[in-house]
Amino acid sequence: MEFITIIFTAQGSILCLRNIVEKCFTVNKKVHIVFVVLLKAFDNVNWKVMIKILKMIIIDYRDKIIIRKLYKHQTTSIIIKESKREAAIRKGGRQGCNLPPLLFNMYIEKAINECKE
């Protein structure tokens, strides 16, 4: 049995999904659709695994270093009145950053491929 794995990350992808389903119907192919809610999924990525995945991907080593530094040992400043303290950020991506969805897609794709094997 042949499976096609497609990961949709945005609501705008519904049109793409519809086009795929319609095409499958025109060529008389069965369609199986699974929706998985991955709310806050990037927050729970195992970073040791993510680093291994980044090592396997063919991207410049400097980009890998930048990604690692962006998400490992993150801190923020908390200012209350005149008092300022540093706090460690243990989960999450930076607000408005396009990188977490891309990284998560690589992470989940690896997990799907391992499940298929």
Protein backbone atom coordinates (compact mmCIF):
# COMPACT_ATOMS: atom_id res chain seq x y z
CA MET A 1 0.00 0.00 0.00
CA GLU A 2 1.39 3.38 -0.99
CA PHE A 3 1.00 6.37 1.35
CA ILE A 4 1.55 10.02 0.60
CA THR A 5 2.40 12.07 3.67
CA ILE A 6 1.47 15.71 3.57
CA ILE A 7 1.86 18.02 6.54
CA PHE A 8 -0.35 21.10 6.57
CA THR A 9 0.67 23.91 8.85
CA ALA A 10 -1.67 26.75 7.93
CA GLN A 11 -5.40 27.17 7.49
CA GLY A 12 -4.77 28.34 3.93
CA SER A 13 -3.70 24.80 3.14
CA ILE A 14 -7.35 23.68 3.07
CA LEU A 15 -7.54 24.67 -0.61
CA CYS A 16 -4.44 22.60 -1.35
CA LEU A 17 -5.99 19.65 0.47
CA ARG A 18 -9.21 20.04 -1.50
CA ASN A 19 -7.29 20.07 -4.79
CA ILE A 20 -5.46 16.88 -3.84
CA VAL A 21 -8.72 15.14 -2.89
CA GLU A 22 -10.40 16.21 -6.13
CA LYS A 23 -7.43 14.98 -8.18
CA CYS A 24 -7.51 11.62 -6.40
CA PHE A 25 -11.21 11.27 -7.20
CA THR A 26 -10.63 12.02 -10.89
CA VAL A 27 -8.02 9.24 -11.15
CA ASN A 28 -10.09 6.86 -8.99
CA LYS A 29 -7.64 6.71 -6.05
CA LYS A 30 -8.66 6.23 -2.43
CA VAL A 31 -8.05 9.15 -0.10
CA HIS A 32 -7.35 8.83 3.62
CA ILE A 33 -7.16 12.03 5.62
CA VAL A 34 -5.98 12.36 9.21
CA PHE A 35 -6.02 15.63 11.10
CA VAL A 36 -3.75 15.86 14.10
CA VAL A 37 -3.93 18.88 16.39
CA LEU A 38 -0.40 19.84 17.28
CA LEU A 39 -1.18 22.76 19.57
CA LYS A 40 2.03 24.08 21.09
CA ALA A 41 3.85 21.10 19.59
CA PHE A 42 7.07 23.01 18.93
CA ASP A 43 7.24 23.78 22.66
CA ASN A 44 7.65 20.06 23.37
CA VAL A 45 10.29 19.17 20.79
CA ASN A 46 13.13 17.06 22.16
CA TRP A 47 16.09 19.28 21.33
CA LYS A 48 18.63 16.46 21.41
CA VAL A 49 16.65 14.79 18.62
CA MET A 50 16.22 18.11 16.80
CA ILE A 51 19.98 18.69 16.81
CA LYS A 52 20.52 15.19 15.38
CA ILE A 53 18.00 15.93 12.63
CA LEU A 54 19.77 19.21 11.83
CA LYS A 55 23.06 17.31 11.57
CA MET A 56 21.53 14.98 8.94
CA ILE A 57 20.11 17.81 6.82
CA ILE A 58 22.31 19.33 4.18
CA ILE A 59 22.50 22.96 5.28
CA ASP A 60 25.50 25.12 5.99
CA TYR A 61 27.08 24.38 9.37
CA ARG A 62 26.91 28.08 10.25
CA ASP A 63 23.12 28.01 9.88
CA LYS A 64 22.99 24.99 12.19
CA ILE A 65 25.04 26.90 14.77
CA ILE A 66 22.73 29.91 14.53
CA ILE A 67 19.63 27.74 15.02
CA ARG A 68 21.19 25.98 17.98
CA LYS A 69 22.18 29.28 19.59
CA LEU A 70 18.73 30.79 18.99
CA TYR A 71 16.92 28.05 20.88
CA LYS A 72 19.41 26.70 23.38
CA HIS A 73 19.92 28.59 26.64
CA GLN A 74 17.39 31.33 25.85
CA THR A 75 16.91 34.03 28.44
CA THR A 76 14.70 37.05 28.86
CA SER A 77 14.69 40.10 31.08
CA ILE A 78 11.79 40.65 33.45
CA ILE A 79 11.41 44.24 34.59
CA ILE A 80 9.07 45.10 37.45
CA LYS A 81 9.12 48.75 38.40
CA GLU A 82 12.83 49.43 38.77
CA SER A 83 13.90 45.83 39.36
CA LYS A 84 15.34 43.77 36.49
CA ARG A 85 15.97 40.00 36.54
CA GLU A 86 17.06 37.43 33.99
CA ALA A 87 14.94 34.31 33.52
CA ALA A 88 15.53 31.14 31.50
CA ILE A 89 13.10 30.34 28.69
CA ARG A 90 12.53 26.61 28.66
CA LYS A 91 9.84 26.29 25.99
CA GLY A 92 8.55 28.01 22.91
CA GLY A 93 9.68 29.96 19.90
CA ARG A 94 10.17 33.64 19.42
CA GLN A 95 7.01 35.63 18.70
CA GLY A 96 6.55 36.11 14.94
CA CYS A 97 9.53 33.93 14.03
CA ASN A 98 9.10 31.81 10.89
CA LEU A 99 11.69 29.25 11.96
CA PRO A 100 9.76 27.13 14.52
CA PRO A 101 7.16 25.82 12.01
CA LEU A 102 9.94 24.85 9.59
CA LEU A 103 11.94 23.13 12.32
CA PHE A 104 8.85 21.35 13.59
CA ASN A 105 8.02 20.10 10.08
CA MET A 106 11.49 18.55 9.87
CA TYR A 107 11.01 17.02 13.32
CA ILE A 108 7.56 15.54 12.61
CA GLU A 109 8.62 14.30 9.16
CA LYS A 110 11.41 12.31 10.79
CA ALA A 111 8.92 10.81 13.27
CA ILE A 112 6.49 9.88 10.46
CA ASN A 113 9.26 8.24 8.44
CA GLU A 114 10.34 6.20 11.49
CA CYS A 115 6.74 5.06 12.00
CA LYS A 116 6.56 3.89 8.38
CA GLU A 117 9.69 1.73 8.80
